[in-house]
Amino acid sequence: MFAIELTIRNSNTIPMVQRKVEEDANDLYEKILAAINSEKNQILKLTCERYPKMKIAVWSRDIAAVQLSEI
C-alpha cells in the first residue's frame, strides 16, 4: 500500500489517500505536482483505495507539499 500525503497551507490537518499499486501512486503524485506547478488554480478531487467512501477536495494553490511513501 502507498500513501500520498498533502501538507495544506495554514492548516494542521494532513490529508492522506492510499493506492494499492505503486504505479497508480506515482501517477497521482505526479498529477498533484503538476497541479501545484500550474499557474491555473484548480480543485483536486482525491479518493482513497483503502477507504473508498473517503473523498478529499483541495485547491491546488493551498498545497504546500506532497509526500509519497510505502506503508
Protein backbone atom coordinates (compact mmCIF):
# COMPACT_ATOMS: atom_id res chain seq x y z
CA MET A 1 0.00 0.00 0.00
CA PHE A 2 1.24 3.50 -0.85
CA ALA A 3 0.25 6.74 0.89
CA ILE A 4 0.07 10.19 -0.69
CA GLU A 5 0.03 12.88 1.99
CA LEU A 6 -0.62 16.56 1.44
CA THR A 7 0.56 19.49 3.51
CA ILE A 8 -2.04 22.24 3.33
CA ARG A 9 -1.10 25.88 3.90
CA ASN A 10 -2.42 27.36 7.18
CA SER A 11 -3.85 24.02 8.27
CA ASN A 12 -2.89 21.45 10.89
CA THR A 13 -4.55 18.58 9.05
CA ILE A 14 -2.59 16.31 6.72
CA PRO A 15 -4.97 14.72 4.22
CA MET A 16 -3.85 11.30 3.01
CA VAL A 17 -5.11 8.93 0.33
CA GLN A 18 -3.83 5.47 -0.40
CA ARG A 19 -3.16 3.46 -3.53
CA LYS A 20 -2.64 -0.30 -3.76
CA VAL A 21 -0.35 -0.22 -6.81
CA GLU A 22 2.93 1.71 -6.91
CA GLU A 23 2.35 2.90 -10.49
CA ASP A 24 -1.04 4.37 -9.53
CA ALA A 25 0.52 6.11 -6.53
CA ASN A 26 3.29 7.59 -8.69
CA ASP A 27 0.74 8.78 -11.27
CA LEU A 28 -1.29 10.55 -8.59
CA TYR A 29 1.86 12.07 -7.07
CA GLU A 30 2.86 13.46 -10.49
CA LYS A 31 -0.69 14.76 -11.09
CA ILE A 32 -0.59 16.65 -7.79
CA LEU A 33 2.88 18.07 -8.55
CA ALA A 34 1.67 19.25 -11.95
CA ALA A 35 -1.31 20.96 -10.32
CA ILE A 36 0.95 22.69 -7.79
CA ASN A 37 3.26 23.93 -10.57
CA SER A 38 0.42 25.06 -12.80
CA GLU A 39 -0.41 28.76 -12.92
CA LYS A 40 -4.08 27.82 -13.10
CA ASN A 41 -5.65 27.22 -9.70
CA GLN A 42 -7.81 24.12 -9.71
CA ILE A 43 -9.70 21.87 -7.35
CA LEU A 44 -8.17 18.42 -6.96
CA LYS A 45 -10.66 15.71 -6.06
CA LEU A 46 -8.97 12.71 -4.45
CA THR A 47 -10.29 9.34 -3.35
CA CYS A 48 -8.73 6.59 -1.28
CA GLU A 49 -8.49 2.97 -2.42
CA ARG A 50 -8.30 1.66 1.14
CA TYR A 51 -11.35 3.64 2.28
CA PRO A 52 -13.47 4.03 -0.90
CA LYS A 53 -16.04 6.31 0.75
CA MET A 54 -13.37 8.87 1.75
CA LYS A 55 -13.19 11.85 -0.59
CA ILE A 56 -10.96 14.94 -0.41
CA ALA A 57 -11.18 18.14 -2.42
CA VAL A 58 -8.48 20.80 -2.16
CA TRP A 59 -7.43 23.90 -4.12
CA SER A 60 -4.09 23.33 -5.81
CA ARG A 61 -2.81 26.74 -4.61
CA ASP A 62 -3.28 25.61 -0.99
CA ILE A 63 -0.98 22.59 -1.27
CA ALA A 64 2.43 23.36 0.24
CA ALA A 65 3.93 19.88 -0.15
CA VAL A 66 3.13 16.34 -1.27
CA GLN A 67 4.74 13.16 0.01
CA LEU A 68 4.62 9.64 -1.40
CA SER A 69 5.60 6.72 0.82
CA GLU A 70 5.13 2.97 1.07
CA ILE A 71 3.22 1.83 4.13
